[in-house]
């Protein structure tokens, strides 16, 4: 990776002077240094950011977070050269990248667990899960009333939501088959199904609250 646009010779000496001034408490020198290093950090972020992470985290956002962190932690910086500064900033950025990956992976695992908990082999299992998750007071409506509430909630769903739930639960199809029936990929069918189940749970909850 190329260093910031400081150049050799006198420019390098000037940069070393700015580092020294920043270490002595000059906020102007620190701001100038961090702005000079921003393009370098952006190159690293763009190179290191996983394709799966890009829709969730922007490279410029990671750099901005790292610059702010560097500004706050600069009193801990012990270097005196351009190379020292770049290495220190790179460590901050890489740590933030690792944190972003970990958050993304944890979110993905939670979503997977949620999908697995929502999934069922039959419409009856779905009914039972929805009733258990959405019932509030113990004295709520009897099982038949709950079933009727579910049917009413299903009827209020958009047509594509109704169709994906019908294919998945009433017909018992795998997601690949659901996607084929809907003219979508398996992944797209899973996402549609998940949105449909979440919406259905909200509708059932609303149905119970109106009782």
C-alpha atoms as a PDB file:
ATOM      1  CA  UNK A   1       0.000   0.000   0.000  1.00  0.00           C
ATOM      2  CA  UNK A   2       1.337   3.479  -0.806  1.00  0.00           C
ATOM      3  CA  UNK A   3       1.863   5.884   2.091  1.00  0.00           C
ATOM      4  CA  UNK A   4       0.044   9.213   2.312  1.00  0.00           C
ATOM      5  CA  UNK A   5       1.041  11.940  -0.113  1.00  0.00           C
ATOM      6  CA  UNK A   6       3.928  13.284   1.941  1.00  0.00           C
ATOM      7  CA  UNK A   7       6.747  12.460  -0.462  1.00  0.00           C
ATOM      8  CA  UNK A   8      10.433  11.988   0.367  1.00  0.00           C
ATOM      9  CA  UNK A   9      12.964  14.478   1.644  1.00  0.00           C
ATOM     10  CA  UNK A  10      11.698  17.692   3.126  1.00  0.00           C
ATOM     11  CA  UNK A  11       8.077  16.534   3.066  1.00  0.00           C
ATOM     12  CA  UNK A  12       8.984  13.484   5.158  1.00  0.00           C
ATOM     13  CA  UNK A  13      10.773  15.711   7.647  1.00  0.00           C
ATOM     14  CA  UNK A  14       7.713  17.957   7.781  1.00  0.00           C
ATOM     15  CA  UNK A  15       5.506  14.962   8.484  1.00  0.00           C
ATOM     16  CA  UNK A  16       7.825  13.868  11.287  1.00  0.00           C
ATOM     17  CA  UNK A  17       7.554  17.398  12.661  1.00  0.00           C
ATOM     18  CA  UNK A  18       3.767  17.212  12.523  1.00  0.00           C
ATOM     19  CA  UNK A  19       3.870  13.905  14.414  1.00  0.00           C
ATOM     20  CA  UNK A  20       6.049  15.511  17.065  1.00  0.00           C
ATOM     21  CA  UNK A  21       3.721  18.533  17.285  1.00  0.00           C
ATOM     22  CA  UNK A  22       0.691  16.244  17.591  1.00  0.00           C
ATOM     23  CA  UNK A  23       2.377  14.286  20.373  1.00  0.00           C
ATOM     24  CA  UNK A  24       2.959  17.579  22.141  1.00  0.00           C
ATOM     25  CA  UNK A  25      -0.770  18.312  22.039  1.00  0.00           C
ATOM     26  CA  UNK A  26      -1.339  20.195  18.765  1.00  0.00           C
ATOM     27  CA  UNK A  27      -4.863  19.326  17.592  1.00  0.00           C
ATOM     28  CA  UNK A  28      -4.225  21.035  14.251  1.00  0.00           C
ATOM     29  CA  UNK A  29      -1.207  18.828  13.580  1.00  0.00           C
ATOM     30  CA  UNK A  30      -3.139  15.715  14.617  1.00  0.00           C
ATOM     31  CA  UNK A  31      -6.072  16.579  12.369  1.00  0.00           C
ATOM     32  CA  UNK A  32      -3.700  17.159   9.441  1.00  0.00           C
ATOM     33  CA  UNK A  33      -1.933  13.821  10.020  1.00  0.00           C
ATOM     34  CA  UNK A  34      -5.132  11.824  10.200  1.00  0.00           C
ATOM     35  CA  UNK A  35      -6.529  13.441   7.064  1.00  0.00           C
ATOM     36  CA  UNK A  36      -3.279  12.698   5.230  1.00  0.00           C
ATOM     37  CA  UNK A  37      -3.574   9.048   6.241  1.00  0.00           C
ATOM     38  CA  UNK A  38      -7.269   8.682   5.388  1.00  0.00           C
ATOM     39  CA  UNK A  39      -6.739   7.655   1.715  1.00  0.00           C
ATOM     40  CA  UNK A  40      -4.253   5.000   2.840  1.00  0.00           C
ATOM     41  CA  UNK A  41      -6.746   3.608   5.347  1.00  0.00           C
ATOM     42  CA  UNK A  42      -9.493   3.627   2.739  1.00  0.00           C
ATOM     43  CA  UNK A  43      -7.358   1.527   0.409  1.00  0.00           C
ATOM     44  CA  UNK A  44      -6.828  -1.034   3.156  1.00  0.00           C
ATOM     45  CA  UNK A  45     -10.512  -1.089   4.089  1.00  0.00           C
ATOM     46  CA  UNK A  46     -11.582  -1.622   0.482  1.00  0.00           C
ATOM     47  CA  UNK A  47      -9.048  -4.443   0.076  1.00  0.00           C
ATOM     48  CA  UNK A  48      -9.872  -6.201   3.336  1.00  0.00           C
ATOM     49  CA  UNK A  49     -13.644  -5.776   3.495  1.00  0.00           C
ATOM     50  CA  UNK A  50     -15.399  -9.056   2.721  1.00  0.00           C
ATOM     51  CA  UNK A  51     -17.937  -9.038  -0.090  1.00  0.00           C
ATOM     52  CA  UNK A  52     -20.591 -10.392   2.268  1.00  0.00           C
ATOM     53  CA  UNK A  53     -19.903  -7.586   4.693  1.00  0.00           C
ATOM     54  CA  UNK A  54     -19.994  -4.710   2.194  1.00  0.00           C
ATOM     55  CA  UNK A  55     -23.811  -4.324   2.198  1.00  0.00           C
ATOM     56  CA  UNK A  56     -23.693  -4.042   6.002  1.00  0.00           C
ATOM     57  CA  UNK A  57     -20.570  -1.957   6.583  1.00  0.00           C
ATOM     58  CA  UNK A  58     -19.074   0.708   4.340  1.00  0.00           C
ATOM     59  CA  UNK A  59     -15.315   1.075   3.962  1.00  0.00           C
ATOM     60  CA  UNK A  60     -15.577   4.834   4.508  1.00  0.00           C
ATOM     61  CA  UNK A  61     -17.553   4.253   7.724  1.00  0.00           C
ATOM     62  CA  UNK A  62     -14.873   1.916   9.043  1.00  0.00           C
ATOM     63  CA  UNK A  63     -12.187   4.455   8.203  1.00  0.00           C
ATOM     64  CA  UNK A  64     -14.136   7.237   9.888  1.00  0.00           C
ATOM     65  CA  UNK A  65     -14.564   5.144  13.038  1.00  0.00           C
ATOM     66  CA  UNK A  66     -10.861   4.322  12.997  1.00  0.00           C
ATOM     67  CA  UNK A  67      -9.858   7.971  12.546  1.00  0.00           C
ATOM     68  CA  UNK A  68     -12.055   9.001  15.473  1.00  0.00           C
ATOM     69  CA  UNK A  69     -10.600   6.227  17.601  1.00  0.00           C
ATOM     70  CA  UNK A  70      -7.065   7.263  16.626  1.00  0.00           C
ATOM     71  CA  UNK A  71      -7.813  10.851  17.571  1.00  0.00           C
ATOM     72  CA  UNK A  72      -8.995   9.777  21.023  1.00  0.00           C
ATOM     73  CA  UNK A  73      -6.161   7.305  21.583  1.00  0.00           C
ATOM     74  CA  UNK A  74      -3.323   9.367  20.100  1.00  0.00           C
ATOM     75  CA  UNK A  75      -1.736  10.023  23.523  1.00  0.00           C
ATOM     76  CA  UNK A  76      -0.909   6.292  23.534  1.00  0.00           C
ATOM     77  CA  UNK A  77       0.954   6.487  20.221  1.00  0.00           C
ATOM     78  CA  UNK A  78       4.683   6.119  20.833  1.00  0.00           C
ATOM     79  CA  UNK A  79       6.049   6.309  17.310  1.00  0.00           C
ATOM     80  CA  UNK A  80       7.891   9.155  15.639  1.00  0.00           C
ATOM     81  CA  UNK A  81       7.969   8.301  11.938  1.00  0.00           C
ATOM     82  CA  UNK A  82       5.552   7.983   9.076  1.00  0.00           C
ATOM     83  CA  UNK A  83       5.961   4.199   9.114  1.00  0.00           C
ATOM     84  CA  UNK A  84       5.174   4.079  12.828  1.00  0.00           C
ATOM     85  CA  UNK A  85       2.034   6.122  12.337  1.00  0.00           C
ATOM     86  CA  UNK A  86       0.776   4.070   9.391  1.00  0.00           C
ATOM     87  CA  UNK A  87       1.379   0.793  11.218  1.00  0.00           C
ATOM     88  CA  UNK A  88      -0.463   2.085  14.291  1.00  0.00           C
ATOM     89  CA  UNK A  89      -3.436   3.284  12.238  1.00  0.00           C
ATOM     90  CA  UNK A  90      -3.527   0.034  10.294  1.00  0.00           C
ATOM     91  CA  UNK A  91      -3.781  -1.935  13.545  1.00  0.00           C
ATOM     92  CA  UNK A  92      -6.728   0.195  14.648  1.00  0.00           C
ATOM     93  CA  UNK A  93      -8.467  -0.289  11.315  1.00  0.00           C
ATOM     94  CA  UNK A  94      -7.836  -4.047  11.238  1.00  0.00           C
ATOM     95  CA  UNK A  95      -9.212  -4.379  14.767  1.00  0.00           C
ATOM     96  CA  UNK A  96     -12.368  -2.538  13.703  1.00  0.00           C
ATOM     97  CA  UNK A  97     -12.634  -4.769  10.632  1.00  0.00           C
ATOM     98  CA  UNK A  98     -12.394  -7.849  12.847  1.00  0.00           C
ATOM     99  CA  UNK A  99     -15.064  -6.451  15.166  1.00  0.00           C
ATOM    100  CA  UNK A 100     -17.355  -5.788  12.196  1.00  0.00           C
ATOM    101  CA  UNK A 101     -16.874  -9.341  10.916  1.00  0.00           C
ATOM    102  CA  UNK A 102     -17.640 -10.754  14.359  1.00  0.00           C
ATOM    103  CA  UNK A 103     -20.818  -8.664  14.680  1.00  0.00           C
ATOM    104  CA  UNK A 104     -21.917  -9.744  11.210  1.00  0.00           C
ATOM    105  CA  UNK A 105     -21.281 -13.421  11.991  1.00  0.00           C
ATOM    106  CA  UNK A 106     -23.136 -13.198  15.304  1.00  0.00           C
ATOM    107  CA  UNK A 107     -26.089 -11.540  13.584  1.00  0.00           C
ATOM    108  CA  UNK A 108     -26.099 -14.227  10.899  1.00  0.00           C
ATOM    109  CA  UNK A 109     -26.039 -16.968  13.538  1.00  0.00           C
ATOM    110  CA  UNK A 110     -28.925 -15.365  15.435  1.00  0.00           C
ATOM    111  CA  UNK A 111     -30.933 -15.101  12.228  1.00  0.00           C
ATOM    112  CA  UNK A 112     -30.198 -18.726  11.394  1.00  0.00           C
ATOM    113  CA  UNK A 113     -31.331 -19.829  14.850  1.00  0.00           C
ATOM    114  CA  UNK A 114     -34.472 -17.755  14.436  1.00  0.00           C
ATOM    115  CA  UNK A 115     -35.178 -19.306  11.053  1.00  0.00           C
ATOM    116  CA  UNK A 116     -34.657 -22.768  12.470  1.00  0.00           C
ATOM    117  CA  UNK A 117     -36.965 -22.017  15.390  1.00  0.00           C
ATOM    118  CA  UNK A 118     -39.626 -20.673  13.056  1.00  0.00           C
ATOM    119  CA  UNK A 119     -39.364 -23.533  10.591  1.00  0.00           C
ATOM    120  CA  UNK A 120     -41.707 -26.490  11.030  1.00  0.00           C
ATOM    121  CA  UNK A 121     -42.640 -29.590   9.117  1.00  0.00           C
ATOM    122  CA  UNK A 122     -46.358 -28.913   8.891  1.00  0.00           C
ATOM    123  CA  UNK A 123     -49.028 -26.258   9.155  1.00  0.00           C
ATOM    124  CA  UNK A 124     -50.070 -27.745  12.498  1.00  0.00           C
ATOM    125  CA  UNK A 125     -46.567 -27.235  13.898  1.00  0.00           C
ATOM    126  CA  UNK A 126     -46.596 -23.657  12.645  1.00  0.00           C
ATOM    127  CA  UNK A 127     -49.950 -23.052  14.316  1.00  0.00           C
ATOM    128  CA  UNK A 128     -48.675 -24.428  17.593  1.00  0.00           C
ATOM    129  CA  UNK A 129     -45.506 -22.315  17.478  1.00  0.00           C
ATOM    130  CA  UNK A 130     -47.369 -19.145  16.579  1.00  0.00           C
ATOM    131  CA  UNK A 131     -49.934 -19.672  19.292  1.00  0.00           C
ATOM    132  CA  UNK A 132     -47.227 -20.323  21.894  1.00  0.00           C
ATOM    133  CA  UNK A 133     -45.168 -17.295  20.869  1.00  0.00           C
ATOM    134  CA  UNK A 134     -47.981 -14.815  20.462  1.00  0.00           C
ATOM    135  CA  UNK A 135     -50.380 -15.702  23.250  1.00  0.00           C
ATOM    136  CA  UNK A 136     -50.236 -13.231  26.102  1.00  0.00           C
ATOM    137  CA  UNK A 137     -52.573 -13.786  29.076  1.00  0.00           C
ATOM    138  CA  UNK A 138     -53.186 -17.424  30.055  1.00  0.00           C
ATOM    139  CA  UNK A 139     -56.928 -16.819  29.968  1.00  0.00           C
ATOM    140  CA  UNK A 140     -56.730 -15.940  26.262  1.00  0.00           C
ATOM    141  CA  UNK A 141     -59.015 -17.503  23.673  1.00  0.00           C
ATOM    142  CA  UNK A 142     -59.315 -21.267  23.441  1.00  0.00           C
ATOM    143  CA  UNK A 143     -57.456 -23.306  20.842  1.00  0.00           C
ATOM    144  CA  UNK A 144     -60.199 -23.043  18.256  1.00  0.00           C
ATOM    145  CA  UNK A 145     -60.378 -19.275  18.553  1.00  0.00           C
ATOM    146  CA  UNK A 146     -56.618 -19.096  18.194  1.00  0.00           C
ATOM    147  CA  UNK A 147     -56.794 -21.192  15.053  1.00  0.00           C
ATOM    148  CA  UNK A 148     -59.463 -18.921  13.640  1.00  0.00           C
ATOM    149  CA  UNK A 149     -57.300 -15.915  14.494  1.00  0.00           C
ATOM    150  CA  UNK A 150     -54.451 -17.500  12.563  1.00  0.00           C
ATOM    151  CA  UNK A 151     -56.628 -18.108   9.534  1.00  0.00           C
ATOM    152  CA  UNK A 152     -57.846 -14.520   9.680  1.00  0.00           C
ATOM    153  CA  UNK A 153     -54.280 -13.255   9.951  1.00  0.00           C
ATOM    154  CA  UNK A 154     -53.236 -15.387   6.989  1.00  0.00           C
ATOM    155  CA  UNK A 155     -56.004 -13.882   4.893  1.00  0.00           C
ATOM    156  CA  UNK A 156     -54.697 -10.377   5.571  1.00  0.00           C
ATOM    157  CA  UNK A 157     -51.210 -11.152   4.291  1.00  0.00           C
ATOM    158  CA  UNK A 158     -50.043 -10.018   0.856  1.00  0.00           C
ATOM    159  CA  UNK A 159     -50.545 -12.616  -1.829  1.00  0.00           C
ATOM    160  CA  UNK A 160     -46.838 -13.497  -2.155  1.00  0.00           C
ATOM    161  CA  UNK A 161     -46.617 -14.071   1.611  1.00  0.00           C
ATOM    162  CA  UNK A 162     -49.657 -16.336   1.546  1.00  0.00           C
ATOM    163  CA  UNK A 163     -48.225 -18.269  -1.377  1.00  0.00           C
ATOM    164  CA  UNK A 164     -44.792 -18.885   0.172  1.00  0.00           C
ATOM    165  CA  UNK A 165     -46.362 -20.080   3.435  1.00  0.00           C
ATOM    166  CA  UNK A 166     -48.741 -22.336   1.551  1.00  0.00           C
ATOM    167  CA  UNK A 167     -45.895 -23.886  -0.441  1.00  0.00           C
ATOM    168  CA  UNK A 168     -43.673 -24.327   2.577  1.00  0.00           C
ATOM    169  CA  UNK A 169     -46.154 -25.590   5.159  1.00  0.00           C
ATOM    170  CA  UNK A 170     -49.329 -26.809   3.520  1.00  0.00           C
ATOM    171  CA  UNK A 171     -47.517 -28.476   0.622  1.00  0.00           C
ATOM    172  CA  UNK A 172     -44.350 -29.253   2.602  1.00  0.00           C
ATOM    173  CA  UNK A 173     -41.943 -28.217  -0.145  1.00  0.00           C
ATOM    174  CA  UNK A 174     -38.238 -27.618   0.301  1.00  0.00           C
ATOM    175  CA  UNK A 175     -36.999 -24.068  -0.185  1.00  0.00           C
ATOM    176  CA  UNK A 176     -35.439 -24.926  -3.534  1.00  0.00           C
ATOM    177  CA  UNK A 177     -38.849 -26.148  -4.693  1.00  0.00           C
ATOM    178  CA  UNK A 178     -40.570 -23.094  -3.219  1.00  0.00           C
ATOM    179  CA  UNK A 179     -38.166 -20.839  -5.104  1.00  0.00           C
ATOM    180  CA  UNK A 180     -38.763 -22.714  -8.353  1.00  0.00           C
ATOM    181  CA  UNK A 181     -42.525 -22.419  -7.919  1.00  0.00           C
ATOM    182  CA  UNK A 182     -42.211 -18.683  -7.308  1.00  0.00           C
ATOM    183  CA  UNK A 183     -39.637 -18.091 -10.052  1.00  0.00           C
ATOM    184  CA  UNK A 184     -36.997 -17.140  -7.472  1.00  0.00           C
ATOM    185  CA  UNK A 185     -33.732 -18.498  -6.145  1.00  0.00           C
ATOM    186  CA  UNK A 186     -33.682 -20.684  -3.054  1.00  0.00           C
ATOM    187  CA  UNK A 187     -32.094 -17.846  -1.056  1.00  0.00           C
ATOM    188  CA  UNK A 188     -34.745 -15.362  -2.197  1.00  0.00           C
ATOM    189  CA  UNK A 189     -37.506 -17.825  -1.286  1.00  0.00           C
ATOM    190  CA  UNK A 190     -36.020 -18.191   2.214  1.00  0.00           C
ATOM    191  CA  UNK A 191     -35.967 -14.443   2.696  1.00  0.00           C
ATOM    192  CA  UNK A 192     -39.554 -14.099   1.486  1.00  0.00           C
ATOM    193  CA  UNK A 193     -40.648 -16.925   3.799  1.00  0.00           C
ATOM    194  CA  UNK A 194     -38.933 -15.317   6.782  1.00  0.00           C
ATOM    195  CA  UNK A 195     -40.625 -11.970   6.118  1.00  0.00           C
ATOM    196  CA  UNK A 196     -43.965 -13.734   5.710  1.00  0.00           C
ATOM    197  CA  UNK A 197     -43.652 -15.576   9.034  1.00  0.00           C
ATOM    198  CA  UNK A 198     -42.646 -12.401  10.866  1.00  0.00           C
ATOM    199  CA  UNK A 199     -45.580 -10.532   9.350  1.00  0.00           C
ATOM    200  CA  UNK A 200     -47.933 -13.380  10.206  1.00  0.00           C
ATOM    201  CA  UNK A 201     -46.799 -13.348  13.815  1.00  0.00           C
ATOM    202  CA  UNK A 202     -47.495  -9.609  14.009  1.00  0.00           C
ATOM    203  CA  UNK A 203     -50.930 -10.078  12.492  1.00  0.00           C
ATOM    204  CA  UNK A 204     -51.765 -12.854  14.968  1.00  0.00           C
ATOM    205  CA  UNK A 205     -50.584 -10.674  17.827  1.00  0.00           C
ATOM    206  CA  UNK A 206     -52.783  -7.822  16.621  1.00  0.00           C
ATOM    207  CA  UNK A 207     -55.711 -10.211  16.286  1.00  0.00           C
ATOM    208  CA  UNK A 208     -55.310 -11.241  19.905  1.00  0.00           C
ATOM    209  CA  UNK A 209     -54.981  -7.689  21.121  1.00  0.00           C
ATOM    210  CA  UNK A 210     -58.287  -6.803  19.502  1.00  0.00           C
ATOM    211  CA  UNK A 211     -60.085  -9.588  21.350  1.00  0.00           C
END
